[in-house]
Structure formats: structure tokens, C-alpha cells
Protein backbone atom coordinates (compact mmCIF):
# COMPACT_ATOMS: atom_id res chain seq x y z
CA MET A 1 3.49 12.01 31.81
CA VAL A 2 1.64 9.13 29.90
CA GLY A 3 3.77 6.77 29.13
CA ASP A 4 3.88 3.90 32.19
CA ILE A 5 -0.05 4.01 32.02
CA LYS A 6 -1.63 0.39 31.27
CA VAL A 7 -5.14 0.35 31.22
CA THR A 8 -7.13 -3.22 30.44
CA PRO A 9 -10.39 -3.12 28.48
CA ALA A 10 -12.84 -4.22 30.80
CA GLU A 11 -11.23 -0.66 32.74
CA VAL A 12 -11.84 1.53 29.74
CA ARG A 13 -15.62 -0.02 29.15
CA ARG A 14 -16.29 0.15 32.64
CA TYR A 15 -15.46 3.87 32.83
CA PHE A 16 -17.24 4.88 29.67
CA LYS A 17 -20.47 2.85 31.77
CA GLU A 18 -20.15 4.87 35.04
CA LEU A 19 -19.99 8.16 33.21
CA PRO A 20 -22.35 10.26 32.50
CA GLN A 21 -24.70 9.85 28.75
CA ASP A 22 -24.09 14.24 28.79
CA SER A 23 -20.27 13.69 28.83
CA ILE A 24 -19.94 11.24 26.02
CA PRO A 25 -18.92 12.91 23.28
CA TYR A 26 -21.55 12.50 20.33
CA VAL A 27 -19.53 10.91 17.42
CA PRO A 28 -21.08 10.32 14.22
CA THR A 29 -22.10 7.07 11.84
CA GLN A 30 -21.13 7.94 8.09
CA VAL A 31 -18.95 10.12 7.71
CA GLU A 32 -17.50 11.54 4.19
CA VAL A 33 -14.69 10.36 2.42
CA GLN A 34 -12.83 12.64 -0.38
CA ILE A 35 -9.65 11.48 -1.68
CA ILE A 36 -7.67 13.62 -4.20
CA THR A 37 -5.14 11.57 -6.12
CA GLN A 38 -2.37 12.67 -8.63
CA GLN A 39 -1.68 11.01 -12.20
CA PRO A 40 1.93 11.30 -13.31
CA LYS A 41 2.81 11.99 -16.46
CA ILE A 42 5.04 9.28 -18.00
CA PRO A 43 6.72 10.18 -21.07
CA ILE A 44 6.32 8.26 -23.67
CA ALA A 45 9.47 7.40 -24.82
CA GLU A 46 9.62 5.58 -20.49
CA ILE A 47 6.51 3.16 -21.86
CA GLU A 48 8.23 1.77 -25.01
CA ASP A 49 11.45 1.44 -23.52
CA VAL A 50 9.93 -0.06 -21.08
CA LYS A 51 8.02 -2.11 -23.74
CA ARG A 52 11.25 -3.09 -25.31
CA ARG A 53 12.58 -4.30 -22.12
CA LEU A 54 9.41 -6.28 -21.97
CA ARG A 55 9.53 -7.92 -24.73
CA ASP A 56 13.48 -8.72 -25.32
CA TYR A 57 12.93 -10.62 -22.06
CA THR A 58 10.19 -12.80 -23.88
CA ASP A 59 12.39 -12.99 -26.76
CA ARG A 60 15.21 -14.56 -24.70
CA VAL A 61 12.62 -16.93 -22.29
CA THR A 62 11.20 -18.28 -25.72
CA LYS A 63 14.20 -19.17 -27.55
CA GLU A 64 15.52 -20.94 -24.12
CA LYS A 65 18.49 -18.36 -23.45
CA LEU A 66 17.40 -17.96 -19.87
CA THR A 67 16.33 -20.49 -17.31
CA PHE A 68 13.29 -19.40 -14.70
CA GLN A 69 15.37 -18.17 -12.30
CA HIS A 70 17.09 -15.72 -14.52
CA TRP A 71 13.31 -14.88 -15.78
CA ARG A 72 12.82 -13.97 -11.79
CA VAL A 73 15.85 -11.62 -11.48
CA CYS A 74 14.73 -9.81 -15.09
CA ILE A 75 10.98 -9.35 -13.45
CA LEU A 76 12.82 -8.12 -9.97
CA ARG A 77 14.49 -5.61 -11.18
CA ILE A 78 11.98 -4.60 -13.32
CA ARG A 79 9.54 -3.92 -10.64
CA LEU A 80 12.63 -1.85 -8.75
CA LEU A 81 12.94 0.27 -11.40
CA PRO A 82 12.16 4.36 -10.67
């Protein structure tokens, strides 16, 4: 029903300018927002595994066994871990 309707910004301005003031809904300028977050519980074993792998990558790079390209691939793999 409204799929083929095109309205320009000028038409919207004109519509609201011609609309009686008492017909325009009041929208408060302040709003209250609440954010609910939940921190995941990461098992200690998982944290230690990531630390171990990062230390392994660091050791391999500092011992010059990895090029920058290999290091980049390793980091990308870490980012893709679930």
C-alpha cells in the first residue's frame, strides 16, 4: 500500500508546517535508556589455552621462525575462534 510512495524532505516540511500545532504529537527531548549486559563466564582452562597459544606465537616470531605474513594469519585465526 505504501511501497510506491516517494516523499521529498520539502514535502514533509510543508506537511508539518501546515498541520495545526495541537495535532503534532509531543516528543520529549530527554529519554531514559537502560542497558542490560551479561558478562560471559569464560573457563580458566580456556583463558590459559589462549595465553599459551599467544606465548607460542610470540616465541616463534621472536626466534624468527615466522614471517610477518605468517604472524598475520595466526592473529586472524585467533580472532575467528568461537
